[in-house]
PDB file of N, CA and C in Angstrom:
ATOM      1  N   MET A   1      39.596  54.936 -74.639  1.00  0.00           N
ATOM      2  CA  MET A   1      38.072  55.037 -74.581  1.00  0.00           C
ATOM      3  C   MET A   1      36.950  54.159 -73.440  1.00  0.00           C
ATOM      4  N   GLY A   2      37.549  53.627 -72.607  1.00  0.00           N
ATOM      5  CA  GLY A   2      36.627  52.275 -71.894  1.00  0.00           C
ATOM      6  C   GLY A   2      35.248  52.697 -71.934  1.00  0.00           C
ATOM      7  N   ASN A   3      34.661  53.274 -70.919  1.00  0.00           N
ATOM      8  CA  ASN A   3      33.356  53.662 -71.325  1.00  0.00           C
ATOM      9  C   ASN A   3      33.045  55.016 -70.964  1.00  0.00           C
ATOM     10  N   ARG A   4      34.125  55.858 -71.287  1.00  0.00           N
ATOM     11  CA  ARG A   4      33.590  57.334 -71.216  1.00  0.00           C
ATOM     12  C   ARG A   4      32.627  57.630 -72.663  1.00  0.00           C
ATOM     13  N   ILE A   5      31.997  58.346 -72.611  1.00  0.00           N
ATOM     14  CA  ILE A   5      31.773  58.906 -74.326  1.00  0.00           C
ATOM     15  C   ILE A   5      32.629  60.022 -74.432  1.00  0.00           C
ATOM     16  N   PHE A   6      32.620  60.670 -74.145  1.00  0.00           N
ATOM     17  CA  PHE A   6      34.184  61.801 -74.345  1.00  0.00           C
ATOM     18  C   PHE A   6      35.441  61.796 -73.715  1.00  0.00           C
ATOM     19  N   GLY A   7      36.154  62.537 -74.244  1.00  0.00           N
ATOM     20  CA  GLY A   7      37.420  62.623 -73.572  1.00  0.00           C
ATOM     21  C   GLY A   7      37.770  64.069 -72.318  1.00  0.00           C
ATOM     22  N   CYS A   8      36.583  65.039 -72.345  1.00  0.00           N
ATOM     23  CA  CYS A   8      37.802  66.383 -71.683  1.00  0.00           C
ATOM     24  C   CYS A   8      37.858  65.835 -70.505  1.00  0.00           C
ATOM     25  N   ASP A   9      37.164  65.357 -69.975  1.00  0.00           N
ATOM     26  CA  ASP A   9      37.541  65.183 -68.348  1.00  0.00           C
ATOM     27  C   ASP A   9      39.342  64.245 -67.823  1.00  0.00           C
ATOM     28  N   ASP A  10      39.589  63.690 -69.010  1.00  0.00           N
ATOM     29  CA  ASP A  10      40.310  62.988 -69.180  1.00  0.00           C
ATOM     30  C   ASP A  10      41.837  63.903 -69.157  1.00  0.00           C
ATOM     31  N   CYS A  11      41.337  65.197 -70.352  1.00  0.00           N
ATOM     32  CA  CYS A  11      42.251  66.050 -70.616  1.00  0.00           C
ATOM     33  C   CYS A  11      42.343  66.495 -69.305  1.00  0.00           C
ATOM     34  N   GLN A  12      41.338  67.255 -68.867  1.00  0.00           N
ATOM     35  CA  GLN A  12      41.061  67.893 -67.325  1.00  0.00           C
ATOM     36  C   GLN A  12      42.377  67.161 -66.263  1.00  0.00           C
ATOM     37  N   MET A  13      42.440  66.079 -66.385  1.00  0.00           N
ATOM     38  CA  MET A  13      42.903  65.472 -65.372  1.00  0.00           C
ATOM     39  C   MET A  13      44.324  65.607 -65.042  1.00  0.00           C
ATOM     40  N   VAL A  14      44.893  65.542 -66.661  1.00  0.00           N
ATOM     41  CA  VAL A  14      45.912  65.585 -67.074  1.00  0.00           C
ATOM     42  C   VAL A  14      46.670  66.870 -67.272  1.00  0.00           C
ATOM     43  N   CYS A  15      46.077  68.150 -67.366  1.00  0.00           N
ATOM     44  CA  CYS A  15      46.650  69.452 -68.239  1.00  0.00           C
ATOM     45  C   CYS A  15      47.114  69.516 -67.078  1.00  0.00           C
ATOM     46  N   PRO A  16      48.999  70.301 -67.110  1.00  0.00           N
ATOM     47  CA  PRO A  16      49.608  70.467 -66.160  1.00  0.00           C
ATOM     48  C   PRO A  16      49.101  71.787 -65.643  1.00  0.00           C
ATOM     49  N   TRP A  17      48.475  72.607 -66.247  1.00  0.00           N
ATOM     50  CA  TRP A  17      47.934  74.024 -66.142  1.00  0.00           C
ATOM     51  C   TRP A  17      46.473  74.202 -64.829  1.00  0.00           C
ATOM     52  N   ASN A  18      45.948  72.812 -65.131  1.00  0.00           N
ATOM     53  CA  ASN A  18      45.202  72.943 -63.797  1.00  0.00           C
ATOM     54  C   ASN A  18      45.409  72.358 -62.445  1.00  0.00           C
ATOM     55  N   LYS A  19      46.596  72.443 -62.660  1.00  0.00           N
ATOM     56  CA  LYS A  19      47.061  72.128 -60.867  1.00  0.00           C
ATOM     57  C   LYS A  19      47.731  73.189 -60.647  1.00  0.00           C
ATOM     58  N   PHE A  20      47.008  74.837 -60.986  1.00  0.00           N
ATOM     59  CA  PHE A  20      47.150  75.711 -61.165  1.00  0.00           C
ATOM     60  C   PHE A  20      45.685  75.927 -60.101  1.00  0.00           C
ATOM     61  N   ALA A  21      44.562  75.798 -60.549  1.00  0.00           N
ATOM     62  CA  ALA A  21      43.078  75.955 -60.746  1.00  0.00           C
ATOM     63  C   ALA A  21      42.519  75.282 -59.313  1.00  0.00           C
ATOM     64  N   ALA A  22      41.843  76.233 -59.251  1.00  0.00           N
ATOM     65  CA  ALA A  22      40.885  76.295 -57.900  1.00  0.00           C
ATOM     66  C   ALA A  22      39.239  75.493 -58.900  1.00  0.00           C
ATOM     67  N   GLU A  23      38.611  74.597 -57.648  1.00  0.00           N
ATOM     68  CA  GLU A  23      37.462  74.428 -58.470  1.00  0.00           C
ATOM     69  C   GLU A  23      36.517  74.946 -58.594  1.00  0.00           C
ATOM     70  N   SER A  24      35.623  75.093 -59.287  1.00  0.00           N
ATOM     71  CA  SER A  24      34.380  76.348 -59.543  1.00  0.00           C
ATOM     72  C   SER A  24      33.510  76.781 -58.862  1.00  0.00           C
ATOM     73  N   VAL A  25      33.152  77.320 -58.206  1.00  0.00           N
ATOM     74  CA  VAL A  25      31.695  77.331 -57.829  1.00  0.00           C
ATOM     75  C   VAL A  25      30.590  77.570 -58.297  1.00  0.00           C
ATOM     76  N   GLU A  26      30.785  78.362 -60.037  1.00  0.00           N
ATOM     77  CA  GLU A  26      29.640  78.792 -60.574  1.00  0.00           C
ATOM     78  C   GLU A  26      29.269  77.032 -61.157  1.00  0.00           C
ATOM     79  N   PRO A  27      27.539  77.379 -60.875  1.00  0.00           N
ATOM     80  CA  PRO A  27      27.222  76.506 -61.672  1.00  0.00           C
ATOM     81  C   PRO A  27      26.841  75.809 -62.171  1.00  0.00           C
ATOM     82  N   VAL A  28      27.005  76.576 -63.762  1.00  0.00           N
ATOM     83  CA  VAL A  28      27.086  76.396 -64.882  1.00  0.00           C
ATOM     84  C   VAL A  28      28.097  75.032 -65.475  1.00  0.00           C
ATOM     85  N   PHE A  29      29.207  74.921 -63.823  1.00  0.00           N
ATOM     86  CA  PHE A  29      30.140  73.839 -64.401  1.00  0.00           C
ATOM     87  C   PHE A  29      29.810  72.575 -63.220  1.00  0.00           C
ATOM     88  N   LYS A  30      28.899  72.877 -62.978  1.00  0.00           N
ATOM     89  CA  LYS A  30      28.762  71.686 -62.116  1.00  0.00           C
ATOM     90  C   LYS A  30      28.269  70.596 -62.765  1.00  0.00           C
ATOM     91  N   PRO A  31      28.636  69.517 -62.457  1.00  0.00           N
ATOM     92  CA  PRO A  31      28.132  68.154 -63.476  1.00  0.00           C
ATOM     93  C   PRO A  31      26.184  68.181 -63.775  1.00  0.00           C
ATOM     94  N   ARG A  32      25.609  67.419 -64.618  1.00  0.00           N
ATOM     95  CA  ARG A  32      24.283  68.151 -64.571  1.00  0.00           C
ATOM     96  C   ARG A  32      24.073  66.353 -63.930  1.00  0.00           C
ATOM     97  N   PRO A  33      22.936  66.697 -63.584  1.00  0.00           N
ATOM     98  CA  PRO A  33      21.795  65.041 -62.520  1.00  0.00           C
ATOM     99  C   PRO A  33      21.621  64.483 -64.394  1.00  0.00           C
ATOM    100  N   ASP A  34      21.477  64.500 -65.100  1.00  0.00           N
ATOM    101  CA  ASP A  34      21.322  63.988 -66.273  1.00  0.00           C
ATOM    102  C   ASP A  34      22.062  62.995 -67.121  1.00  0.00           C
ATOM    103  N   PHE A  35      23.434  63.578 -66.378  1.00  0.00           N
ATOM    104  CA  PHE A  35      24.375  62.683 -66.913  1.00  0.00           C
ATOM    105  C   PHE A  35      25.189  62.543 -65.816  1.00  0.00           C
ATOM    106  N   GLU A  36      26.157  62.693 -64.648  1.00  0.00           N
ATOM    107  CA  GLU A  36      26.340  62.252 -63.222  1.00  0.00           C
ATOM    108  C   GLU A  36      26.134  61.333 -63.157  1.00  0.00           C
ATOM    109  N   GLN A  37      25.165  60.018 -62.975  1.00  0.00           N
ATOM    110  CA  GLN A  37      25.258  59.029 -62.943  1.00  0.00           C
ATOM    111  C   GLN A  37      24.154  57.690 -63.989  1.00  0.00           C
ATOM    112  N   ALA A  38      24.506  57.974 -64.654  1.00  0.00           N
ATOM    113  CA  ALA A  38      23.086  57.585 -66.013  1.00  0.00           C
ATOM    114  C   ALA A  38      23.654  56.445 -66.458  1.00  0.00           C
ATOM    115  N   GLU A  39      22.741  55.472 -66.544  1.00  0.00           N
ATOM    116  CA  GLU A  39      23.637  54.436 -67.397  1.00  0.00           C
ATOM    117  C   GLU A  39      23.498  54.873 -68.671  1.00  0.00           C
ATOM    118  N   LEU A  40      24.490  54.274 -69.237  1.00  0.00           N
ATOM    119  CA  LEU A  40      25.026  54.466 -70.927  1.00  0.00           C
ATOM    120  C   LEU A  40      23.887  53.923 -71.856  1.00  0.00           C
ATOM    121  N   THR A  41      22.801  52.520 -71.506  1.00  0.00           N
ATOM    122  CA  THR A  41      21.736  52.044 -72.108  1.00  0.00           C
ATOM    123  C   THR A  41      21.148  53.508 -71.937  1.00  0.00           C
ATOM    124  N   THR A  42      20.620  54.193 -71.073  1.00  0.00           N
ATOM    125  CA  THR A  42      19.795  54.830 -71.330  1.00  0.00           C
ATOM    126  C   THR A  42      19.975  56.050 -71.825  1.00  0.00           C
ATOM    127  N   LEU A  43      21.828  56.706 -71.657  1.00  0.00           N
ATOM    128  CA  LEU A  43      21.477  57.489 -72.490  1.00  0.00           C
ATOM    129  C   LEU A  43      21.229  57.367 -74.667  1.00  0.00           C
ATOM    130  N   PHE A  44      21.690  55.803 -74.151  1.00  0.00           N
ATOM    131  CA  PHE A  44      21.490  56.283 -75.644  1.00  0.00           C
ATOM    132  C   PHE A  44      20.645  55.281 -76.212  1.00  0.00           C
ATOM    133  N   ALA A  45      19.140  55.192 -75.646  1.00  0.00           N
ATOM    134  CA  ALA A  45      17.807  55.174 -76.073  1.00  0.00           C
ATOM    135  C   ALA A  45      17.374  56.958 -76.169  1.00  0.00           C
ATOM    136  N   TRP A  46      18.131  58.297 -75.953  1.00  0.00           N
ATOM    137  CA  TRP A  46      17.717  59.264 -75.792  1.00  0.00           C
ATOM    138  C   TRP A  46      17.497  58.704 -77.267  1.00  0.00           C
ATOM    139  N   SER A  47      16.306  59.866 -78.170  1.00  0.00           N
ATOM    140  CA  SER A  47      15.885  60.726 -79.177  1.00  0.00           C
ATOM    141  C   SER A  47      16.850  61.384 -79.377  1.00  0.00           C
ATOM    142  N   GLU A  48      16.703  62.213 -80.587  1.00  0.00           N
ATOM    143  CA  GLU A  48      17.663  63.074 -80.696  1.00  0.00           C
ATOM    144  C   GLU A  48      17.068  64.487 -80.654  1.00  0.00           C
ATOM    145  N   ALA A  49      15.586  64.824 -80.352  1.00  0.00           N
ATOM    146  CA  ALA A  49      14.600  66.313 -79.571  1.00  0.00           C
ATOM    147  C   ALA A  49      15.322  65.960 -77.902  1.00  0.00           C
ATOM    148  N   THR A  50      15.482  64.655 -77.698  1.00  0.00           N
ATOM    149  CA  THR A  50      15.653  64.198 -76.110  1.00  0.00           C
ATOM    150  C   THR A  50      17.280  64.983 -76.029  1.00  0.00           C
ATOM    151  N   PHE A  51      18.046  64.514 -76.786  1.00  0.00           N
ATOM    152  CA  PHE A  51      19.479  65.083 -77.069  1.00  0.00           C
ATOM    153  C   PHE A  51      19.592  66.385 -77.229  1.00  0.00           C
ATOM    154  N   LEU A  52      19.146  66.782 -77.678  1.00  0.00           N
ATOM    155  CA  LEU A  52      19.002  68.001 -78.433  1.00  0.00           C
ATOM    156  C   LEU A  52      18.127  69.123 -76.754  1.00  0.00           C
ATOM    157  N   GLU A  53      17.654  68.813 -75.894  1.00  0.00           N
ATOM    158  CA  GLU A  53      16.730  69.044 -74.812  1.00  0.00           C
ATOM    159  C   GLU A  53      17.811  69.049 -74.003  1.00  0.00           C
ATOM    160  N   LYS A  54      18.787  67.573 -73.531  1.00  0.00           N
ATOM    161  CA  LYS A  54      19.293  67.615 -72.461  1.00  0.00           C
ATOM    162  C   LYS A  54      20.689  68.697 -72.804  1.00  0.00           C
ATOM    163  N   THR A  55      20.951  68.319 -73.448  1.00  0.00           N
ATOM    164  CA  THR A  55      22.348  69.278 -73.681  1.00  0.00           C
ATOM    165  C   THR A  55      22.584  70.775 -74.442  1.00  0.00           C
ATOM    166  N   GLN A  56      20.982  71.278 -73.818  1.00  0.00           N
ATOM    167  CA  GLN A  56      21.512  72.765 -74.221  1.00  0.00           C
ATOM    168  C   GLN A  56      22.101  73.312 -73.185  1.00  0.00           C
ATOM    169  N   GLY A  57      23.161  74.320 -74.285  1.00  0.00           N
ATOM    170  CA  GLY A  57      23.970  75.141 -73.402  1.00  0.00           C
ATOM    171  C   GLY A  57      25.380  73.766 -73.242  1.00  0.00           C
ATOM    172  N   SER A  58      25.484  73.055 -73.994  1.00  0.00           N
ATOM    173  CA  SER A  58      26.458  71.720 -73.112  1.00  0.00           C
ATOM    174  C   SER A  58      27.868  71.914 -74.768  1.00  0.00           C
ATOM    175  N   ALA A  59      28.916  71.466 -73.921  1.00  0.00           N
ATOM    176  CA  ALA A  59      29.676  71.690 -74.930  1.00  0.00           C
ATOM    177  C   ALA A  59      29.730  70.130 -76.210  1.00  0.00           C
ATOM    178  N   ILE A  60      28.968  69.003 -75.687  1.00  0.00           N
ATOM    179  CA  ILE A  60      28.436  67.926 -75.493  1.00  0.00           C
ATOM    180  C   ILE A  60      28.052  68.212 -77.612  1.00  0.00           C
ATOM    181  N   ARG A  61      26.574  69.124 -77.117  1.00  0.00           N
ATOM    182  CA  ARG A  61      25.907  69.340 -78.641  1.00  0.00           C
ATOM    183  C   ARG A  61      26.753  69.272 -79.499  1.00  0.00           C
ATOM    184  N   ARG A  62      28.051  70.116 -79.114  1.00  0.00           N
ATOM    185  CA  ARG A  62      29.054  69.877 -80.509  1.00  0.00           C
ATOM    186  C   ARG A  62      29.145  68.941 -81.262  1.00  0.00           C
ATOM    187  N   THR A  63      29.496  67.214 -80.833  1.00  0.00           N
ATOM    188  CA  THR A  63      29.607  66.361 -81.412  1.00  0.00           C
ATOM    189  C   THR A  63      28.398  65.667 -82.341  1.00  0.00           C
ATOM    190  N   GLY A  64      27.267  66.110 -81.820  1.00  0.00           N
ATOM    191  CA  GLY A  64      25.849  66.642 -82.273  1.00  0.00           C
ATOM    192  C   GLY A  64      25.731  64.836 -82.069  1.00  0.00           C
ATOM    193  N   TYR A  65      23.652  64.403 -82.483  1.00  0.00           N
ATOM    194  CA  TYR A  65      23.209  63.236 -82.214  1.00  0.00           C
ATOM    195  C   TYR A  65      24.363  62.047 -82.946  1.00  0.00           C
ATOM    196  N   SER A  66      24.849  62.240 -83.866  1.00  0.00           N
ATOM    197  CA  SER A  66      25.203  60.634 -84.836  1.00  0.00           C
ATOM    198  C   SER A  66      25.966  60.775 -83.740  1.00  0.00           C
ATOM    199  N   GLY A  67      27.411  61.491 -83.429  1.00  0.00           N
ATOM    200  CA  GLY A  67      28.508  61.434 -83.204  1.00  0.00           C
ATOM    201  C   GLY A  67      28.511  60.953 -81.503  1.00  0.00           C
ATOM    202  N   TRP A  68      27.411  61.783 -80.897  1.00  0.00           N
ATOM    203  CA  TRP A  68      26.055  60.644 -79.489  1.00  0.00           C
ATOM    204  C   TRP A  68      26.612  59.018 -78.980  1.00  0.00           C
ATOM    205  N   LEU A  69      26.090  59.129 -80.649  1.00  0.00           N
ATOM    206  CA  LEU A  69      25.709  57.242 -80.473  1.00  0.00           C
ATOM    207  C   LEU A  69      27.094  56.910 -80.809  1.00  0.00           C
ATOM    208  N   ARG A  70      27.744  56.840 -81.994  1.00  0.00           N
ATOM    209  CA  ARG A  70      28.621  56.659 -82.344  1.00  0.00           C
ATOM    210  C   ARG A  70      29.751  56.028 -80.741  1.00  0.00           C
ATOM    211  N   ASN A  71      30.456  56.981 -80.017  1.00  0.00           N
ATOM    212  CA  ASN A  71      30.257  57.172 -78.812  1.00  0.00           C
ATOM    213  C   ASN A  71      30.383  56.347 -77.746  1.00  0.00           C
ATOM    214  N   ILE A  72      28.699  56.229 -77.524  1.00  0.00           N
ATOM    215  CA  ILE A  72      27.967  55.352 -76.379  1.00  0.00           C
ATOM    216  C   ILE A  72      28.297  53.935 -77.159  1.00  0.00           C
ATOM    217  N   SER A  73      28.241  53.976 -78.609  1.00  0.00           N
ATOM    218  CA  SER A  73      28.402  52.287 -79.045  1.00  0.00           C
ATOM    219  C   SER A  73      29.602  51.776 -78.973  1.00  0.00           C
ATOM    220  N   VAL A  74      30.385  52.566 -78.716  1.00  0.00           N
ATOM    221  CA  VAL A  74      32.560  52.331 -78.612  1.00  0.00           C
ATOM    222  C   VAL A  74      32.339  52.303 -76.856  1.00  0.00           C
ATOM    223  N   ALA A  75      31.536  52.929 -76.048  1.00  0.00           N
ATOM    224  CA  ALA A  75      31.653  52.448 -75.095  1.00  0.00           C
ATOM    225  C   ALA A  75      30.682  51.412 -74.152  1.00  0.00           C
ATOM    226  N   LEU A  76      29.646  50.995 -74.828  1.00  0.00           N
ATOM    227  CA  LEU A  76      28.846  49.948 -74.446  1.00  0.00           C
ATOM    228  C   LEU A  76      29.591  48.670 -75.027  1.00  0.00           C
ATOM    229  N   GLY A  77      30.161  48.469 -76.256  1.00  0.00           N
ATOM    230  CA  GLY A  77      31.174  47.623 -77.032  1.00  0.00           C
ATOM    231  C   GLY A  77      32.530  47.713 -75.698  1.00  0.00           C
ATOM    232  N   ASN A  78      32.749  48.493 -74.703  1.00  0.00           N
ATOM    233  CA  ASN A  78      33.930  48.182 -74.387  1.00  0.00           C
ATOM    234  C   ASN A  78      33.581  47.934 -72.658  1.00  0.00           C
ATOM    235  N   ALA A  79      31.961  47.680 -72.919  1.00  0.00           N
ATOM    236  CA  ALA A  79      31.464  47.478 -71.239  1.00  0.00           C
ATOM    237  C   ALA A  79      31.429  45.571 -71.474  1.00  0.00           C
ATOM    238  N   ALA A  80      31.914  45.582 -69.717  1.00  0.00           N
ATOM    239  CA  ALA A  80      31.746  44.229 -69.638  1.00  0.00           C
ATOM    240  C   ALA A  80      30.192  43.394 -70.124  1.00  0.00           C
ATOM    241  N   TYR A  81      30.542  41.973 -70.689  1.00  0.00           N
ATOM    242  CA  TYR A  81      29.327  41.803 -71.171  1.00  0.00           C
ATOM    243  C   TYR A  81      28.119  41.757 -70.605  1.00  0.00           C
ATOM    244  N   ASP A  82      26.926  42.104 -71.030  1.00  0.00           N
ATOM    245  CA  ASP A  82      25.597  41.845 -70.307  1.00  0.00           C
ATOM    246  C   ASP A  82      24.275  42.005 -71.659  1.00  0.00           C
ATOM    247  N   PRO A  83      23.362  41.032 -71.623  1.00  0.00           N
ATOM    248  CA  PRO A  83      22.693  40.857 -72.496  1.00  0.00           C
ATOM    249  C   PRO A  83      21.423  42.102 -72.702  1.00  0.00           C
ATOM    250  N   THR A  84      21.548  43.069 -71.420  1.00  0.00           N
ATOM    251  CA  THR A  84      20.806  44.241 -71.778  1.00  0.00           C
ATOM    252  C   THR A  84      21.328  45.334 -72.967  1.00  0.00           C
ATOM    253  N   ILE A  85      22.435  45.202 -73.094  1.00  0.00           N
ATOM    254  CA  ILE A  85      23.648  46.162 -73.811  1.00  0.00           C
ATOM    255  C   ILE A  85      23.058  45.661 -75.275  1.00  0.00           C
ATOM    256  N   VAL A  86      23.237  44.119 -75.645  1.00  0.00           N
ATOM    257  CA  VAL A  86      23.175  43.605 -76.436  1.00  0.00           C
ATOM    258  C   VAL A  86      22.133  44.129 -77.169  1.00  0.00           C
ATOM    259  N   SER A  87      20.857  43.949 -76.660  1.00  0.00           N
ATOM    260  CA  SER A  87      19.498  44.541 -77.043  1.00  0.00           C
ATOM    261  C   SER A  87      18.882  45.715 -77.388  1.00  0.00           C
ATOM    262  N   SER A  88      19.913  46.554 -76.329  1.00  0.00           N
ATOM    263  CA  SER A  88      19.780  48.418 -76.621  1.00  0.00           C
ATOM    264  C   SER A  88      20.507  48.594 -77.847  1.00  0.00           C
ATOM    265  N   LEU A  89      21.590  48.389 -78.219  1.00  0.00           N
ATOM    266  CA  LEU A  89      22.801  48.413 -79.519  1.00  0.00           C
ATOM    267  C   LEU A  89      21.703  48.046 -80.550  1.00  0.00           C
ATOM    268  N   LYS A  90      20.740  46.838 -80.313  1.00  0.00           N
ATOM    269  CA  LYS A  90      20.109  46.281 -81.426  1.00  0.00           C
ATOM    270  C   LYS A  90      18.646  46.930 -82.141  1.00  0.00           C
ATOM    271  N   ALA A  91      17.905  47.315 -81.041  1.00  0.00           N
ATOM    272  CA  ALA A  91      16.671  47.596 -81.281  1.00  0.00           C
ATOM    273  C   ALA A  91      17.072  49.298 -81.379  1.00  0.00           C
ATOM    274  N   LYS A  92      17.862  50.165 -81.473  1.00  0.00           N
ATOM    275  CA  LYS A  92      18.409  51.542 -82.277  1.00  0.00           C
ATOM    276  C   LYS A  92      19.136  51.109 -83.820  1.00  0.00           C
ATOM    277  N   ARG A  93      19.223  50.336 -83.390  1.00  0.00           N
ATOM    278  CA  ARG A  93      20.492  50.208 -85.174  1.00  0.00           C
ATOM    279  C   ARG A  93      19.483  50.484 -86.532  1.00  0.00           C
ATOM    280  N   ALA A  94      18.764  50.222 -86.757  1.00  0.00           N
ATOM    281  CA  ALA A  94      17.481  50.590 -87.827  1.00  0.00           C
ATOM    282  C   ALA A  94      17.260  52.122 -87.671  1.00  0.00           C
ATOM    283  N   THR A  95      17.279  53.043 -87.067  1.00  0.00           N
ATOM    284  CA  THR A  95      17.013  53.806 -86.912  1.00  0.00           C
ATOM    285  C   THR A  95      18.146  54.873 -87.244  1.00  0.00           C
ATOM    286  N   THR A  96      19.449  54.436 -87.154  1.00  0.00           N
ATOM    287  CA  THR A  96      20.613  55.407 -86.870  1.00  0.00           C
ATOM    288  C   THR A  96      21.117  55.323 -88.440  1.00  0.00           C
ATOM    289  N   ASP A  97      22.269  56.450 -88.841  1.00  0.00           N
ATOM    290  CA  ASP A  97      22.406  56.245 -90.459  1.00  0.00           C
ATOM    291  C   ASP A  97      24.345  55.127 -90.393  1.00  0.00           C
ATOM    292  N   PRO A  98      24.488  54.735 -91.213  1.00  0.00           N
ATOM    293  CA  PRO A  98      25.370  54.260 -91.706  1.00  0.00           C
ATOM    294  C   PRO A  98      26.892  54.238 -90.420  1.00  0.00           C
ATOM    295  N   MET A  99      27.303  55.048 -90.441  1.00  0.00           N
ATOM    296  CA  MET A  99      28.032  55.711 -89.561  1.00  0.00           C
ATOM    297  C   MET A  99      28.082  55.055 -87.858  1.00  0.00           C
ATOM    298  N   VAL A 100      26.800  55.479 -87.933  1.00  0.00           N
ATOM    299  CA  VAL A 100      26.402  54.620 -86.235  1.00  0.00           C
ATOM    300  C   VAL A 100      26.353  53.061 -86.293  1.00  0.00           C
ATOM    301  N   GLN A 101      26.104  52.657 -87.358  1.00  0.00           N
ATOM    302  CA  GLN A 101      25.504  51.596 -87.816  1.00  0.00           C
ATOM    303  C   GLN A 101      26.479  50.498 -87.569  1.00  0.00           C
ATOM    304  N   GLU A 102      27.616  51.206 -88.127  1.00  0.00           N
ATOM    305  CA  GLU A 102      28.922  50.364 -88.484  1.00  0.00           C
ATOM    306  C   GLU A 102      29.303  50.293 -86.629  1.00  0.00           C
ATOM    307  N   HIS A 103      29.453  51.115 -86.421  1.00  0.00           N
ATOM    308  CA  HIS A 103      29.968  50.855 -84.647  1.00  0.00           C
ATOM    309  C   HIS A 103      29.054  50.611 -83.718  1.00  0.00           C
ATOM    310  N   ILE A 104      28.280  50.237 -83.789  1.00  0.00           N
ATOM    311  CA  ILE A 104      26.797  49.561 -83.379  1.00  0.00           C
ATOM    312  C   ILE A 104      27.394  47.886 -83.294  1.00  0.00           C
ATOM    313  N   ASP A 105      27.473  47.996 -85.169  1.00  0.00           N
ATOM    314  CA  ASP A 105      27.996  46.197 -85.451  1.00  0.00           C
ATOM    315  C   ASP A 105      29.113  45.963 -84.900  1.00  0.00           C
ATOM    316  N   TRP A 106      29.672  46.672 -84.415  1.00  0.00           N
ATOM    317  CA  TRP A 106      31.793  46.337 -83.805  1.00  0.00           C
ATOM    318  C   TRP A 106      30.941  46.142 -82.276  1.00  0.00           C
ATOM    319  N   ALA A 107      29.652  47.401 -81.321  1.00  0.00           N
ATOM    320  CA  ALA A 107      29.139  46.941 -80.176  1.00  0.00           C
ATOM    321  C   ALA A 107      29.340  45.501 -80.015  1.00  0.00           C
ATOM    322  N   ILE A 108      28.416  45.149 -80.776  1.00  0.00           N
ATOM    323  CA  ILE A 108      27.369  43.687 -80.796  1.00  0.00           C
ATOM    324  C   ILE A 108      28.664  42.918 -81.004  1.00  0.00           C
ATOM    325  N   GLN A 109      29.203  43.262 -81.783  1.00  0.00           N
ATOM    326  CA  GLN A 109      30.685  41.949 -82.034  1.00  0.00           C
ATOM    327  C   GLN A 109      31.634  41.674 -80.809  1.00  0.00           C
ATOM    328  N   GLN A 110      32.006  42.858 -80.493  1.00  0.00           N
ATOM    329  CA  GLN A 110      32.544  43.055 -79.286  1.00  0.00           C
ATOM    330  C   GLN A 110      31.711  42.667 -77.387  1.00  0.00           C
ATOM    331  N   GLN A 111      30.094  42.669 -77.825  1.00  0.00           N
ATOM    332  CA  GLN A 111      29.358  42.202 -76.463  1.00  0.00           C
ATOM    333  C   GLN A 111      29.723  40.405 -76.701  1.00  0.00           C
ATOM    334  N   LEU A 112      29.283  39.735 -77.830  1.00  0.00           N
ATOM    335  CA  LEU A 112      29.237  38.635 -78.125  1.00  0.00           C
ATOM    336  C   LEU A 112      30.464  37.778 -78.641  1.00  0.00           C
ATOM    337  N   LEU A 113      31.735  38.226 -78.428  1.00  0.00           N
ATOM    338  CA  LEU A 113      32.623  37.476 -77.751  1.00  0.00           C
ATOM    339  C   LEU A 113      33.025  37.750 -76.494  1.00  0.00           C
ATOM    340  N   LYS A 114      32.964  38.371 -75.776  1.00  0.00           N
ATOM    341  CA  LYS A 114      32.720  39.038 -74.342  1.00  0.00           C
ATOM    342  C   LYS A 114      31.785  37.610 -73.403  1.00  0.00           C
ATOM    343  N   ARG A 115      30.620  37.434 -74.387  1.00  0.00           N
ATOM    344  CA  ARG A 115      29.750  36.391 -73.790  1.00  0.00           C
ATOM    345  C   ARG A 115      30.676  34.988 -73.948  1.00  0.00           C
ATOM    346  N   ASP A 116      30.689  35.001 -75.334  1.00  0.00           N
ATOM    347  CA  ASP A 116      31.480  33.256 -75.521  1.00  0.00           C
ATOM    348  C   ASP A 116      32.347  33.445 -75.200  1.00  0.00           C
ATOM    349  N   ALA A 117      33.470  34.449 -74.894  1.00  0.00           N
ATOM    350  CA  ALA A 117      35.046  33.989 -73.788  1.00  0.00           C
ATOM    351  C   ALA A 117      34.064  33.688 -72.076  1.00  0.00           C
ATOM    352  N   GLY A 118      32.905  33.776 -72.361  1.00  0.00           N
ATOM    353  CA  GLY A 118      32.587  33.729 -70.343  1.00  0.00           C
ATOM    354  C   GLY A 118      32.730  34.681 -69.734  1.00  0.00           C
ATOM    355  N   ASP A 119      33.490  36.024 -70.533  1.00  0.00           N
ATOM    356  CA  ASP A 119      33.292  37.416 -69.585  1.00  0.00           C
ATOM    357  C   ASP A 119      33.111  37.006 -67.580  1.00  0.00           C
ATOM    358  N   PRO A 120      34.326  36.999 -67.157  1.00  0.00           N
ATOM    359  CA  PRO A 120      34.296  36.712 -66.222  1.00  0.00           C
ATOM    360  C   PRO A 120      33.323  37.905 -65.054  1.00  0.00           C
ATOM    361  N   THR A 121      33.446  39.302 -65.968  1.00  0.00           N
ATOM    362  CA  THR A 121      32.902  41.174 -65.267  1.00  0.00           C
ATOM    363  C   THR A 121      31.470  40.675 -65.978  1.00  0.00           C
ATOM    364  N   SER A 122      31.348  39.441 -66.254  1.00  0.00           N
ATOM    365  CA  SER A 122      29.543  39.907 -67.094  1.00  0.00           C
ATOM    366  C   SER A 122      28.593  39.785 -66.224  1.00  0.00           C
ATOM    367  N   THR A 123      27.295  41.024 -66.567  1.00  0.00           N
ATOM    368  CA  THR A 123      26.354  40.523 -65.125  1.00  0.00           C
ATOM    369  C   THR A 123      25.828  40.292 -65.528  1.00  0.00           C
ATOM    370  N   SER A 124      25.285  38.529 -66.305  1.00  0.00           N
ATOM    371  CA  SER A 124      24.395  37.779 -66.440  1.00  0.00           C
ATOM    372  C   SER A 124      25.053  36.579 -66.203  1.00  0.00           C
TER     373      SER A 124
END
């Protein structure tokens, strides 16, 4: 999963049928500005209302807000150590359901392990 939130792009890249496809000119298939260059911590900080607003008409909404937070938690845990990530995870934890809390705990543990190991890709 790495730092991706969903695997749709990976599937599209390896699908053998896509070698016959042309890039769509339909605006609905273009990346949304809120997602294309967004930081994971920014997306993770979204409230449920913001998630619902920003994903209106998108297949991403199918995962639900908890699934959204779960997937971003995993991506944040996989990222290089950054104290901002740890702070973001800790700040959101108390407001989430037990499933998301479990993933947040895992992500925090991964971040701290990287910090303690002197992760050379660290941002601090």
